[in-house]
Amino acid sequence: YQDWVQAFYDSFHLTDFQTAALKDLAGRTNAPAKLLVIAECWSSDCRREVPTLARIAEAGGMELRIFNRDSAQSVEPGPTDASDEAGNGDLMHQFVNHKNGQDFLSIPVAAFFTKDLRYLYHFTEYAAIYQKDDFIPRVRGPIEGDSPEQAAQRVQDFVKFQDGPFFRVWASAAVDEIITGLWEAQTRRA
């Protein structure tokens, strides 16, 4: 997915207002200075948000470090597994996503820290306006009565959809959500 991620990064830019807000936050006490990202390239959310997070780090002058969630053998850690055998469970178990009565190790995770590593805020998976749990089953299927060819076409249509404007709208919404979360973290501490 390297080419797709690079193309998304090259085509996605923060607005002037988003850049100004990040520079403002960077100039405050308890500024976000370090950004830890946990991701996997197979995830469409990661392919969208990691380039977005890189743009945030650039605009805010933050050090960015990216870690895989899964092990080298593609073993996914469980929500309570902090072992190295299952990937970066030691990192992930700090950011368990409690959703719909269940626990998930959702990715990407973007955790923001001050220069002396004090936690400020973290963002998980996707912006709130992207109602993925409702959206994905409708567009990626399978839908009852589909032939195998129709189901395969639905997956291909979703891949094409990722190159369209909506993924950029949701990426921009993630930037706004992150900026707001960082602002709230700083103003609560002030």
C-alpha atoms as a PDB file:
ATOM      1  CA  TYR A   1       0.000   0.000   0.000  1.00  0.00           C
ATOM      2  CA  GLN A   2       3.033   2.291  -0.003  1.00  0.00           C
ATOM      3  CA  ASP A   3       2.122   3.988  -3.290  1.00  0.00           C
ATOM      4  CA  TRP A   4      -1.475   4.590  -2.190  1.00  0.00           C
ATOM      5  CA  VAL A   5      -0.390   6.011   1.179  1.00  0.00           C
ATOM      6  CA  GLN A   6       2.178   8.259  -0.506  1.00  0.00           C
ATOM      7  CA  ALA A   7      -0.409   9.496  -3.013  1.00  0.00           C
ATOM      8  CA  PHE A   8      -2.876  10.251  -0.216  1.00  0.00           C
ATOM      9  CA  TYR A   9      -0.189  12.120   1.711  1.00  0.00           C
ATOM     10  CA  ASP A  10       0.803  14.100  -1.380  1.00  0.00           C
ATOM     11  CA  SER A  11      -2.790  15.101  -2.126  1.00  0.00           C
ATOM     12  CA  PHE A  12      -3.993  15.802   1.427  1.00  0.00           C
ATOM     13  CA  HIS A  13      -3.222  19.183   2.952  1.00  0.00           C
ATOM     14  CA  LEU A  14      -4.426  20.876   6.091  1.00  0.00           C
ATOM     15  CA  THR A  15      -6.495  24.028   5.779  1.00  0.00           C
ATOM     16  CA  ASP A  16      -4.985  27.354   6.778  1.00  0.00           C
ATOM     17  CA  PHE A  17      -7.190  27.330   9.885  1.00  0.00           C
ATOM     18  CA  GLN A  18      -6.095  23.838  10.903  1.00  0.00           C
ATOM     19  CA  THR A  19      -2.437  24.752  10.435  1.00  0.00           C
ATOM     20  CA  ALA A  20      -2.863  27.968  12.423  1.00  0.00           C
ATOM     21  CA  ALA A  21      -4.603  26.081  15.245  1.00  0.00           C
ATOM     22  CA  LEU A  22      -1.818  23.494  15.433  1.00  0.00           C
ATOM     23  CA  LYS A  23       0.840  26.215  15.496  1.00  0.00           C
ATOM     24  CA  ASP A  24      -1.112  27.969  18.271  1.00  0.00           C
ATOM     25  CA  LEU A  25      -1.271  24.745  20.294  1.00  0.00           C
ATOM     26  CA  ALA A  26       2.456  24.166  19.726  1.00  0.00           C
ATOM     27  CA  GLY A  27       3.228  27.559  21.228  1.00  0.00           C
ATOM     28  CA  ARG A  28       1.380  26.952  24.492  1.00  0.00           C
ATOM     29  CA  THR A  29       2.453  25.491  27.801  1.00  0.00           C
ATOM     30  CA  ASN A  30       2.131  21.693  27.727  1.00  0.00           C
ATOM     31  CA  ALA A  31       2.353  21.744  23.935  1.00  0.00           C
ATOM     32  CA  PRO A  32       1.962  18.499  22.011  1.00  0.00           C
ATOM     33  CA  ALA A  33       5.517  17.629  20.983  1.00  0.00           C
ATOM     34  CA  LYS A  34       5.486  13.860  20.454  1.00  0.00           C
ATOM     35  CA  LEU A  35       3.022  11.790  18.483  1.00  0.00           C
ATOM     36  CA  LEU A  36       2.925   8.003  18.876  1.00  0.00           C
ATOM     37  CA  VAL A  37       0.952   6.225  16.151  1.00  0.00           C
ATOM     38  CA  ILE A  38      -0.001   2.557  16.208  1.00  0.00           C
ATOM     39  CA  ALA A  39      -1.188   1.255  12.850  1.00  0.00           C
ATOM     40  CA  GLU A  40      -1.240  -1.530  10.263  1.00  0.00           C
ATOM     41  CA  CYS A  41      -1.055  -1.033   6.493  1.00  0.00           C
ATOM     42  CA  TRP A  42      -3.895  -3.467   5.781  1.00  0.00           C
ATOM     43  CA  SER A  43      -6.368  -1.128   7.525  1.00  0.00           C
ATOM     44  CA  SER A  44      -8.146   1.418   5.317  1.00  0.00           C
ATOM     45  CA  ASP A  45      -8.520   3.651   8.401  1.00  0.00           C
ATOM     46  CA  CYS A  46      -4.737   3.585   8.868  1.00  0.00           C
ATOM     47  CA  ARG A  47      -4.063   4.217   5.201  1.00  0.00           C
ATOM     48  CA  ARG A  48      -6.260   7.337   5.469  1.00  0.00           C
ATOM     49  CA  GLU A  49      -5.228   8.584   8.901  1.00  0.00           C
ATOM     50  CA  VAL A  50      -1.468   7.926   8.990  1.00  0.00           C
ATOM     51  CA  PRO A  51      -0.760  10.439   6.179  1.00  0.00           C
ATOM     52  CA  THR A  52      -3.193  12.805   7.916  1.00  0.00           C
ATOM     53  CA  LEU A  53      -1.324  12.378  11.192  1.00  0.00           C
ATOM     54  CA  ALA A  54       1.966  13.042   9.410  1.00  0.00           C
ATOM     55  CA  ARG A  55       0.529  16.364   8.206  1.00  0.00           C
ATOM     56  CA  ILE A  56      -0.568  17.176  11.777  1.00  0.00           C
ATOM     57  CA  ALA A  57       2.904  16.388  13.120  1.00  0.00           C
ATOM     58  CA  GLU A  58       4.520  18.579  10.468  1.00  0.00           C
ATOM     59  CA  ALA A  59       2.224  21.551  11.119  1.00  0.00           C
ATOM     60  CA  GLY A  60       2.641  21.292  14.904  1.00  0.00           C
ATOM     61  CA  GLY A  61       6.386  20.609  14.864  1.00  0.00           C
ATOM     62  CA  MET A  62       5.885  17.234  16.565  1.00  0.00           C
ATOM     63  CA  GLU A  63       8.149  14.210  16.574  1.00  0.00           C
ATOM     64  CA  LEU A  64       6.246  11.331  14.945  1.00  0.00           C
ATOM     65  CA  ARG A  65       6.905   7.658  15.677  1.00  0.00           C
ATOM     66  CA  ILE A  66       4.887   4.852  14.094  1.00  0.00           C
ATOM     67  CA  PHE A  67       4.596   1.329  15.512  1.00  0.00           C
ATOM     68  CA  ASN A  68       2.858  -1.765  14.174  1.00  0.00           C
ATOM     69  CA  ARG A  69       0.074  -3.177  16.287  1.00  0.00           C
ATOM     70  CA  ASP A  70       0.448  -6.783  15.215  1.00  0.00           C
ATOM     71  CA  SER A  71       3.467  -9.068  15.556  1.00  0.00           C
ATOM     72  CA  ALA A  72       5.785  -9.838  12.648  1.00  0.00           C
ATOM     73  CA  GLN A  73       3.726 -13.024  12.206  1.00  0.00           C
ATOM     74  CA  SER A  74       0.533 -10.894  11.910  1.00  0.00           C
ATOM     75  CA  VAL A  75      -0.717 -12.010  15.305  1.00  0.00           C
ATOM     76  CA  GLU A  76      -3.176  -9.473  16.640  1.00  0.00           C
ATOM     77  CA  PRO A  77      -2.975  -8.858  20.392  1.00  0.00           C
ATOM     78  CA  GLY A  78      -6.168  -9.251  22.386  1.00  0.00           C
ATOM     79  CA  PRO A  79      -7.639  -6.383  24.440  1.00  0.00           C
ATOM     80  CA  THR A  80      -6.018  -7.714  27.620  1.00  0.00           C
ATOM     81  CA  ASP A  81      -2.813  -9.118  26.064  1.00  0.00           C
ATOM     82  CA  ALA A  82       0.242  -6.988  26.804  1.00  0.00           C
ATOM     83  CA  SER A  83       2.776  -9.534  25.619  1.00  0.00           C
ATOM     84  CA  ASP A  84       5.394  -9.021  22.926  1.00  0.00           C
ATOM     85  CA  GLU A  85       4.439 -12.313  21.248  1.00  0.00           C
ATOM     86  CA  ALA A  86       1.214 -10.728  20.006  1.00  0.00           C
ATOM     87  CA  GLY A  87       2.754  -7.543  18.644  1.00  0.00           C
ATOM     88  CA  ASN A  88       2.815  -4.275  20.512  1.00  0.00           C
ATOM     89  CA  GLY A  89       0.238  -5.319  23.074  1.00  0.00           C
ATOM     90  CA  ASP A  90       2.155  -3.356  25.706  1.00  0.00           C
ATOM     91  CA  LEU A  91       1.297  -0.178  23.798  1.00  0.00           C
ATOM     92  CA  MET A  92      -2.140  -1.189  22.595  1.00  0.00           C
ATOM     93  CA  HIS A  93      -3.555  -2.279  25.939  1.00  0.00           C
ATOM     94  CA  GLN A  94      -3.276   1.349  27.062  1.00  0.00           C
ATOM     95  CA  PHE A  95      -5.705   2.393  24.317  1.00  0.00           C
ATOM     96  CA  VAL A  96      -8.440  -0.248  24.345  1.00  0.00           C
ATOM     97  CA  ASN A  97     -11.452   1.061  22.448  1.00  0.00           C
ATOM     98  CA  HIS A  98     -14.654   0.434  24.421  1.00  0.00           C
ATOM     99  CA  LYS A  99     -17.415   0.432  21.823  1.00  0.00           C
ATOM    100  CA  ASN A 100     -20.891  -1.088  21.695  1.00  0.00           C
ATOM    101  CA  GLY A 101     -20.302  -3.032  24.917  1.00  0.00           C
ATOM    102  CA  GLN A 102     -17.132  -4.686  23.604  1.00  0.00           C
ATOM    103  CA  ASP A 103     -13.407  -4.030  23.776  1.00  0.00           C
ATOM    104  CA  PHE A 104     -11.361  -3.593  20.607  1.00  0.00           C
ATOM    105  CA  LEU A 105      -7.749  -2.844  19.780  1.00  0.00           C
ATOM    106  CA  SER A 106      -8.838  -0.398  17.105  1.00  0.00           C
ATOM    107  CA  ILE A 107      -6.280   1.226  14.846  1.00  0.00           C
ATOM    108  CA  PRO A 108      -4.930   3.670  14.164  1.00  0.00           C
ATOM    109  CA  VAL A 109      -4.220   5.105  17.582  1.00  0.00           C
ATOM    110  CA  ALA A 110      -2.614   8.545  17.722  1.00  0.00           C
ATOM    111  CA  ALA A 111      -1.378   9.428  21.211  1.00  0.00           C
ATOM    112  CA  PHE A 112      -0.088  12.938  21.852  1.00  0.00           C
ATOM    113  CA  PHE A 113       2.458  13.756  24.548  1.00  0.00           C
ATOM    114  CA  THR A 114       4.350  16.818  25.737  1.00  0.00           C
ATOM    115  CA  LYS A 115       8.126  17.025  25.183  1.00  0.00           C
ATOM    116  CA  ASP A 116       8.641  15.470  28.642  1.00  0.00           C
ATOM    117  CA  LEU A 117       6.246  12.620  27.715  1.00  0.00           C
ATOM    118  CA  ARG A 118       3.194  13.708  29.678  1.00  0.00           C
ATOM    119  CA  TYR A 119       0.073  12.282  28.053  1.00  0.00           C
ATOM    120  CA  LEU A 120      -2.307  14.840  26.560  1.00  0.00           C
ATOM    121  CA  TYR A 121      -4.869  13.121  24.366  1.00  0.00           C
ATOM    122  CA  HIS A 122      -5.409  10.226  21.996  1.00  0.00           C
ATOM    123  CA  PHE A 123      -7.461   9.680  18.863  1.00  0.00           C
ATOM    124  CA  THR A 124      -8.653   6.224  17.878  1.00  0.00           C
ATOM    125  CA  GLU A 125      -9.657   4.740  14.547  1.00  0.00           C
ATOM    126  CA  TYR A 126     -11.715   7.418  12.740  1.00  0.00           C
ATOM    127  CA  ALA A 127     -13.566  10.701  13.161  1.00  0.00           C
ATOM    128  CA  ALA A 128     -16.929  10.557  14.903  1.00  0.00           C
ATOM    129  CA  ILE A 129     -18.784  11.740  11.783  1.00  0.00           C
ATOM    130  CA  TYR A 130     -17.620   8.672   9.850  1.00  0.00           C
ATOM    131  CA  GLN A 131     -20.263   6.173  10.939  1.00  0.00           C
ATOM    132  CA  LYS A 132     -18.141   3.260   9.778  1.00  0.00           C
ATOM    133  CA  ASP A 133     -19.913   0.493  11.677  1.00  0.00           C
ATOM    134  CA  ASP A 134     -23.100   1.371   9.782  1.00  0.00           C
ATOM    135  CA  PHE A 135     -21.462   2.417   6.520  1.00  0.00           C
ATOM    136  CA  ILE A 136     -19.075  -0.454   5.751  1.00  0.00           C
ATOM    137  CA  PRO A 137     -21.655  -3.270   5.747  1.00  0.00           C
ATOM    138  CA  ARG A 138     -23.789  -1.286   3.286  1.00  0.00           C
ATOM    139  CA  VAL A 139     -21.033  -0.663   0.759  1.00  0.00           C
ATOM    140  CA  ARG A 140     -18.658  -3.586   1.163  1.00  0.00           C
ATOM    141  CA  GLY A 141     -21.289  -6.287   1.591  1.00  0.00           C
ATOM    142  CA  PRO A 142     -21.949  -9.071   1.304  1.00  0.00           C
ATOM    143  CA  ILE A 143     -25.626  -8.468   0.699  1.00  0.00           C
ATOM    144  CA  GLU A 144     -28.074 -11.351   0.728  1.00  0.00           C
ATOM    145  CA  GLY A 145     -28.645 -12.623  -2.797  1.00  0.00           C
ATOM    146  CA  ASP A 146     -25.316 -11.378  -4.147  1.00  0.00           C
ATOM    147  CA  SER A 147     -23.484 -13.620  -6.534  1.00  0.00           C
ATOM    148  CA  PRO A 148     -19.770 -14.113  -5.814  1.00  0.00           C
ATOM    149  CA  GLU A 149     -19.070 -11.728  -8.682  1.00  0.00           C
ATOM    150  CA  GLN A 150     -21.349  -9.044  -7.205  1.00  0.00           C
ATOM    151  CA  ALA A 151     -19.706  -9.426  -3.793  1.00  0.00           C
ATOM    152  CA  ALA A 152     -16.244  -9.125  -5.383  1.00  0.00           C
ATOM    153  CA  GLN A 153     -17.367  -6.028  -7.314  1.00  0.00           C
ATOM    154  CA  ARG A 154     -18.649  -4.451  -4.084  1.00  0.00           C
ATOM    155  CA  VAL A 155     -15.182  -4.847  -2.545  1.00  0.00           C
ATOM    156  CA  GLN A 156     -13.573  -3.328  -5.653  1.00  0.00           C
ATOM    157  CA  ASP A 157     -16.031  -0.425  -5.533  1.00  0.00           C
ATOM    158  CA  PHE A 158     -14.987   0.230  -1.921  1.00  0.00           C
ATOM    159  CA  VAL A 159     -11.331   0.308  -2.975  1.00  0.00           C
ATOM    160  CA  LYS A 160     -12.201   2.911  -5.639  1.00  0.00           C
ATOM    161  CA  PHE A 161     -14.300   4.823  -3.106  1.00  0.00           C
ATOM    162  CA  GLN A 162     -11.173   5.313  -0.987  1.00  0.00           C
ATOM    163  CA  ASP A 163      -9.697   7.474  -3.757  1.00  0.00           C
ATOM    164  CA  GLY A 164     -12.719   9.765  -3.796  1.00  0.00           C
ATOM    165  CA  PRO A 165     -13.594  12.909  -1.877  1.00  0.00           C
ATOM    166  CA  PHE A 166     -15.314  11.291   1.104  1.00  0.00           C
ATOM    167  CA  PHE A 167     -12.150   9.746   2.503  1.00  0.00           C
ATOM    168  CA  ARG A 168     -10.620  13.231   2.444  1.00  0.00           C
ATOM    169  CA  VAL A 169     -13.669  14.710   4.153  1.00  0.00           C
ATOM    170  CA  TRP A 170     -13.315  12.148   6.942  1.00  0.00           C
ATOM    171  CA  ALA A 171      -9.567  12.756   7.144  1.00  0.00           C
ATOM    172  CA  SER A 172     -10.231  16.478   7.519  1.00  0.00           C
ATOM    173  CA  ALA A 173     -12.828  15.736  10.199  1.00  0.00           C
ATOM    174  CA  ALA A 174     -10.190  13.685  12.046  1.00  0.00           C
ATOM    175  CA  VAL A 175      -7.860  16.693  11.980  1.00  0.00           C
ATOM    176  CA  ASP A 176     -10.600  18.899  13.436  1.00  0.00           C
ATOM    177  CA  GLU A 177     -11.411  16.306  16.110  1.00  0.00           C
ATOM    178  CA  ILE A 178      -7.732  15.968  17.060  1.00  0.00           C
ATOM    179  CA  ILE A 179      -7.195  19.731  17.223  1.00  0.00           C
ATOM    180  CA  THR A 180     -10.257  20.042  19.457  1.00  0.00           C
ATOM    181  CA  GLY A 181      -9.065  17.188  21.691  1.00  0.00           C
ATOM    182  CA  LEU A 182      -5.639  18.773  22.061  1.00  0.00           C
ATOM    183  CA  TRP A 183      -7.155  22.183  22.775  1.00  0.00           C
ATOM    184  CA  GLU A 184      -9.401  20.661  25.449  1.00  0.00           C
ATOM    185  CA  ALA A 185      -6.442  18.842  27.017  1.00  0.00           C
ATOM    186  CA  GLN A 186      -4.420  22.051  27.177  1.00  0.00           C
ATOM    187  CA  THR A 187      -7.183  24.269  28.497  1.00  0.00           C
ATOM    188  CA  ARG A 188      -8.115  21.763  31.221  1.00  0.00           C
ATOM    189  CA  ARG A 189      -4.504  21.854  32.424  1.00  0.00           C
ATOM    190  CA  ALA A 190      -4.106  25.629  32.238  1.00  0.00           C
END
